N, C-alpha and C. Protein backbone atom coordinates (compact mmCIF):
# COMPACT_ATOMS: atom_id res chain seq x y z
N MET A 1 -35.27 -48.26 -41.33
CA MET A 1 -33.89 -48.05 -41.72
C MET A 1 -33.82 -47.96 -43.25
N GLU A 2 -33.10 -46.98 -43.72
CA GLU A 2 -33.02 -46.72 -45.14
C GLU A 2 -31.77 -47.36 -45.75
N PHE A 3 -31.91 -47.86 -46.97
CA PHE A 3 -30.78 -48.46 -47.69
C PHE A 3 -29.91 -47.35 -48.28
N LYS A 4 -28.62 -47.43 -48.04
CA LYS A 4 -27.68 -46.49 -48.63
C LYS A 4 -26.54 -47.29 -49.26
N THR A 5 -26.36 -47.13 -50.55
CA THR A 5 -25.33 -47.88 -51.27
C THR A 5 -23.95 -47.65 -50.68
N GLU A 6 -23.65 -46.41 -50.26
CA GLU A 6 -22.33 -46.13 -49.73
C GLU A 6 -22.03 -46.86 -48.42
N CYS A 7 -23.07 -47.35 -47.76
CA CYS A 7 -22.87 -48.12 -46.52
C CYS A 7 -22.36 -49.53 -46.79
N MET A 8 -22.61 -50.02 -47.98
CA MET A 8 -22.27 -51.41 -48.26
C MET A 8 -20.80 -51.71 -47.98
N LYS A 9 -19.92 -50.89 -48.52
CA LYS A 9 -18.50 -51.14 -48.35
C LYS A 9 -18.10 -50.99 -46.88
N GLN A 10 -18.64 -49.98 -46.20
CA GLN A 10 -18.32 -49.77 -44.79
C GLN A 10 -18.73 -50.97 -43.94
N VAL A 11 -19.94 -51.46 -44.16
CA VAL A 11 -20.43 -52.61 -43.40
C VAL A 11 -19.61 -53.85 -43.75
N ARG A 12 -19.34 -54.02 -45.02
CA ARG A 12 -18.56 -55.19 -45.46
C ARG A 12 -17.19 -55.19 -44.79
N LEU A 13 -16.53 -54.06 -44.78
CA LEU A 13 -15.20 -53.97 -44.16
C LEU A 13 -15.28 -54.14 -42.65
N ARG A 14 -16.30 -53.55 -42.03
CA ARG A 14 -16.49 -53.68 -40.58
C ARG A 14 -16.65 -55.14 -40.17
N MET A 15 -17.32 -55.90 -41.03
CA MET A 15 -17.54 -57.31 -40.73
C MET A 15 -16.35 -58.19 -41.15
N GLY A 16 -15.40 -57.58 -41.84
CA GLY A 16 -14.23 -58.35 -42.28
C GLY A 16 -14.52 -59.24 -43.47
N TRP A 17 -15.50 -58.87 -44.28
CA TRP A 17 -15.90 -59.67 -45.43
C TRP A 17 -15.25 -59.14 -46.71
N SER A 18 -14.94 -60.04 -47.60
CA SER A 18 -14.52 -59.65 -48.94
C SER A 18 -15.78 -59.33 -49.76
N GLN A 19 -15.59 -58.80 -50.94
CA GLN A 19 -16.74 -58.55 -51.81
C GLN A 19 -17.42 -59.87 -52.18
N SER A 20 -16.62 -60.91 -52.33
CA SER A 20 -17.20 -62.24 -52.62
C SER A 20 -18.05 -62.74 -51.45
N ASP A 21 -17.56 -62.49 -50.22
CA ASP A 21 -18.33 -62.89 -49.04
C ASP A 21 -19.69 -62.19 -49.02
N LEU A 22 -19.67 -60.88 -49.28
CA LEU A 22 -20.93 -60.13 -49.29
C LEU A 22 -21.85 -60.62 -50.39
N ALA A 23 -21.29 -60.90 -51.56
CA ALA A 23 -22.09 -61.40 -52.67
C ALA A 23 -22.79 -62.71 -52.28
N ARG A 24 -22.05 -63.58 -51.63
CA ARG A 24 -22.62 -64.87 -51.20
C ARG A 24 -23.74 -64.64 -50.19
N ARG A 25 -23.52 -63.75 -49.24
CA ARG A 25 -24.54 -63.48 -48.21
C ARG A 25 -25.79 -62.81 -48.79
N LEU A 26 -25.60 -62.03 -49.84
CA LEU A 26 -26.74 -61.37 -50.48
C LEU A 26 -27.32 -62.21 -51.63
N LYS A 27 -26.76 -63.38 -51.83
CA LYS A 27 -27.22 -64.32 -52.87
C LYS A 27 -27.19 -63.66 -54.25
N THR A 28 -26.04 -63.05 -54.53
CA THR A 28 -25.84 -62.42 -55.83
C THR A 28 -24.43 -62.72 -56.30
N ASP A 29 -24.00 -62.08 -57.37
CA ASP A 29 -22.65 -62.34 -57.87
C ASP A 29 -21.70 -61.20 -57.53
N LEU A 30 -20.43 -61.46 -57.69
CA LEU A 30 -19.39 -60.49 -57.36
C LEU A 30 -19.53 -59.21 -58.19
N GLN A 31 -19.84 -59.32 -59.46
CA GLN A 31 -19.95 -58.15 -60.32
C GLN A 31 -21.05 -57.21 -59.83
N THR A 32 -22.13 -57.76 -59.33
CA THR A 32 -23.21 -56.94 -58.79
C THR A 32 -22.72 -56.14 -57.59
N ILE A 33 -21.96 -56.78 -56.70
CA ILE A 33 -21.42 -56.08 -55.53
C ILE A 33 -20.47 -54.98 -55.97
N LEU A 34 -19.60 -55.27 -56.92
CA LEU A 34 -18.69 -54.26 -57.45
C LEU A 34 -19.46 -53.07 -58.00
N ASN A 35 -20.49 -53.35 -58.79
CA ASN A 35 -21.31 -52.28 -59.37
C ASN A 35 -22.05 -51.47 -58.30
N LEU A 36 -22.58 -52.16 -57.29
CA LEU A 36 -23.31 -51.47 -56.23
C LEU A 36 -22.38 -50.58 -55.42
N GLU A 37 -21.21 -51.09 -55.07
CA GLU A 37 -20.27 -50.30 -54.27
C GLU A 37 -19.75 -49.10 -55.04
N ASN A 38 -19.66 -49.23 -56.35
CA ASN A 38 -19.17 -48.12 -57.19
C ASN A 38 -20.29 -47.19 -57.64
N GLY A 39 -21.52 -47.52 -57.29
CA GLY A 39 -22.66 -46.69 -57.68
C GLY A 39 -23.08 -46.85 -59.13
N ALA A 40 -22.59 -47.90 -59.79
CA ALA A 40 -22.91 -48.12 -61.19
C ALA A 40 -24.21 -48.89 -61.38
N GLN A 41 -24.78 -49.37 -60.30
CA GLN A 41 -26.00 -50.18 -60.38
C GLN A 41 -26.90 -49.84 -59.21
N THR A 42 -28.18 -49.85 -59.47
CA THR A 42 -29.18 -49.66 -58.42
C THR A 42 -29.58 -51.03 -57.89
N PRO A 43 -29.62 -51.20 -56.58
CA PRO A 43 -29.94 -52.51 -56.02
C PRO A 43 -31.42 -52.88 -56.19
N SER A 44 -31.66 -54.15 -56.35
CA SER A 44 -33.04 -54.64 -56.39
C SER A 44 -33.63 -54.56 -54.99
N ASN A 45 -34.93 -54.65 -54.90
CA ASN A 45 -35.59 -54.64 -53.59
C ASN A 45 -35.13 -55.81 -52.73
N GLU A 46 -34.89 -56.95 -53.36
CA GLU A 46 -34.44 -58.13 -52.61
C GLU A 46 -33.06 -57.89 -52.01
N ILE A 47 -32.15 -57.32 -52.79
CA ILE A 47 -30.81 -57.03 -52.27
C ILE A 47 -30.90 -55.99 -51.16
N LYS A 48 -31.72 -54.97 -51.34
CA LYS A 48 -31.90 -53.96 -50.28
C LYS A 48 -32.36 -54.62 -48.99
N SER A 49 -33.36 -55.46 -49.10
CA SER A 49 -33.92 -56.12 -47.93
C SER A 49 -32.87 -57.01 -47.25
N GLN A 50 -32.16 -57.79 -48.03
CA GLN A 50 -31.14 -58.67 -47.47
C GLN A 50 -30.01 -57.87 -46.84
N PHE A 51 -29.62 -56.77 -47.48
CA PHE A 51 -28.54 -55.95 -46.93
C PHE A 51 -28.96 -55.30 -45.62
N LEU A 52 -30.18 -54.79 -45.56
CA LEU A 52 -30.66 -54.17 -44.32
C LEU A 52 -30.70 -55.18 -43.19
N PHE A 53 -31.04 -56.42 -43.50
CA PHE A 53 -31.02 -57.49 -42.49
C PHE A 53 -29.58 -57.70 -42.01
N LEU A 54 -28.62 -57.76 -42.94
CA LEU A 54 -27.22 -57.93 -42.57
C LEU A 54 -26.73 -56.75 -41.72
N LEU A 55 -27.18 -55.55 -42.07
CA LEU A 55 -26.79 -54.35 -41.33
C LEU A 55 -27.30 -54.43 -39.88
N GLN A 56 -28.52 -54.88 -39.70
CA GLN A 56 -29.06 -55.05 -38.35
C GLN A 56 -28.25 -56.07 -37.57
N GLN A 57 -27.88 -57.16 -38.24
CA GLN A 57 -27.06 -58.20 -37.60
C GLN A 57 -25.70 -57.63 -37.21
N ALA A 58 -25.09 -56.85 -38.11
CA ALA A 58 -23.78 -56.25 -37.83
C ALA A 58 -23.87 -55.32 -36.62
N ASP A 59 -24.93 -54.52 -36.54
CA ASP A 59 -25.12 -53.62 -35.41
C ASP A 59 -25.28 -54.40 -34.11
N PHE A 60 -26.05 -55.48 -34.17
CA PHE A 60 -26.27 -56.31 -32.98
C PHE A 60 -24.96 -56.94 -32.52
N ILE A 61 -24.20 -57.48 -33.48
CA ILE A 61 -22.92 -58.11 -33.13
C ILE A 61 -21.96 -57.09 -32.54
N SER A 62 -21.92 -55.90 -33.12
CA SER A 62 -21.04 -54.85 -32.60
C SER A 62 -21.42 -54.48 -31.17
N GLU A 63 -22.72 -54.37 -30.93
CA GLU A 63 -23.19 -54.03 -29.59
C GLU A 63 -22.84 -55.12 -28.59
N GLN A 64 -23.03 -56.37 -28.99
CA GLN A 64 -22.71 -57.49 -28.11
C GLN A 64 -21.22 -57.55 -27.82
N THR A 65 -20.40 -57.31 -28.83
CA THR A 65 -18.95 -57.33 -28.65
C THR A 65 -18.52 -56.22 -27.70
N GLN A 66 -19.09 -55.05 -27.85
CA GLN A 66 -18.74 -53.93 -26.98
C GLN A 66 -19.16 -54.23 -25.54
N CYS A 67 -20.36 -54.76 -25.35
CA CYS A 67 -20.83 -55.08 -24.00
C CYS A 67 -19.99 -56.17 -23.38
N GLY A 68 -19.57 -57.14 -24.18
CA GLY A 68 -18.72 -58.22 -23.66
C GLY A 68 -17.41 -57.68 -23.14
N ALA A 69 -16.80 -56.75 -23.85
CA ALA A 69 -15.53 -56.17 -23.42
C ALA A 69 -15.70 -55.38 -22.13
N ILE A 70 -16.79 -54.65 -22.01
CA ILE A 70 -17.05 -53.87 -20.79
C ILE A 70 -17.23 -54.82 -19.61
N ALA A 71 -17.97 -55.89 -19.81
CA ALA A 71 -18.20 -56.87 -18.74
C ALA A 71 -16.88 -57.53 -18.32
N GLU A 72 -16.04 -57.87 -19.29
CA GLU A 72 -14.75 -58.49 -18.97
C GLU A 72 -13.88 -57.53 -18.17
N GLN A 73 -13.87 -56.26 -18.54
CA GLN A 73 -13.08 -55.27 -17.79
C GLN A 73 -13.58 -55.15 -16.36
N PHE A 74 -14.90 -55.14 -16.18
CA PHE A 74 -15.48 -55.04 -14.84
C PHE A 74 -15.09 -56.25 -14.00
N LEU A 75 -15.24 -57.44 -14.58
CA LEU A 75 -14.93 -58.66 -13.83
C LEU A 75 -13.46 -58.70 -13.45
N GLU A 76 -12.60 -58.28 -14.36
CA GLU A 76 -11.17 -58.25 -14.07
C GLU A 76 -10.87 -57.24 -12.96
N ALA A 77 -11.47 -56.07 -13.03
CA ALA A 77 -11.25 -55.04 -12.01
C ALA A 77 -11.74 -55.48 -10.63
N GLU A 78 -12.81 -56.26 -10.61
CA GLU A 78 -13.38 -56.76 -9.35
C GLU A 78 -12.71 -58.05 -8.90
N ASN A 79 -11.76 -58.53 -9.70
CA ASN A 79 -11.05 -59.78 -9.42
C ASN A 79 -12.01 -60.96 -9.27
N ILE A 80 -12.99 -60.99 -10.15
CA ILE A 80 -13.97 -62.08 -10.17
C ILE A 80 -13.53 -63.08 -11.24
N HIS A 81 -13.24 -64.30 -10.80
CA HIS A 81 -12.75 -65.30 -11.74
C HIS A 81 -13.84 -66.26 -12.21
N GLN A 82 -14.82 -66.45 -11.38
CA GLN A 82 -15.93 -67.31 -11.76
C GLN A 82 -17.22 -66.60 -11.37
N ILE A 83 -18.18 -66.66 -12.24
CA ILE A 83 -19.42 -65.92 -12.02
C ILE A 83 -20.50 -66.87 -11.51
N PHE A 84 -21.18 -66.43 -10.47
CA PHE A 84 -22.32 -67.16 -9.95
C PHE A 84 -23.54 -66.26 -10.05
N HIS A 85 -24.66 -66.82 -10.34
CA HIS A 85 -25.88 -66.05 -10.56
C HIS A 85 -26.19 -65.08 -9.42
N PRO A 86 -26.15 -65.49 -8.15
CA PRO A 86 -26.48 -64.53 -7.07
C PRO A 86 -25.56 -63.31 -7.08
N GLU A 87 -24.28 -63.50 -7.39
CA GLU A 87 -23.35 -62.37 -7.44
C GLU A 87 -23.78 -61.39 -8.53
N LEU A 88 -24.17 -61.91 -9.68
CA LEU A 88 -24.60 -61.05 -10.77
C LEU A 88 -25.87 -60.31 -10.41
N ARG A 89 -26.80 -61.02 -9.83
CA ARG A 89 -28.07 -60.39 -9.45
C ARG A 89 -27.82 -59.23 -8.50
N ASP A 90 -26.98 -59.45 -7.51
CA ASP A 90 -26.72 -58.41 -6.52
C ASP A 90 -25.98 -57.22 -7.12
N LYS A 91 -25.07 -57.44 -8.06
CA LYS A 91 -24.26 -56.36 -8.61
C LYS A 91 -24.92 -55.61 -9.76
N PHE A 92 -25.77 -56.29 -10.54
CA PHE A 92 -26.24 -55.68 -11.77
C PHE A 92 -27.73 -55.35 -11.82
N ILE A 93 -28.50 -55.89 -10.94
CA ILE A 93 -29.95 -55.61 -10.99
C ILE A 93 -30.24 -54.38 -10.15
N ILE A 94 -30.82 -53.40 -10.81
CA ILE A 94 -31.18 -52.16 -10.14
C ILE A 94 -32.70 -52.17 -9.92
N GLU A 95 -33.08 -51.97 -8.72
CA GLU A 95 -34.51 -52.00 -8.41
C GLU A 95 -35.09 -50.63 -8.40
């Protein structure tokens, strides 16, 4: 996965983080985040690495959230109020 400075703001907003939040997570200061988002500064290798890790986490969380909503819709449509393992095995395991 390649680091792209323009992704920083998009990921930050998607996660609901302020610039200060992102600075804290990347172990840097607010001015660095401002400079990076505006393209006035080139990120260090450490910031690139930390940001790519956060991006992977954001993608994972987004995927989990989407799957959770789909599962909830299915359970509601099937009028399933409590889940038991055998029911899940029978409905979701494809052999």
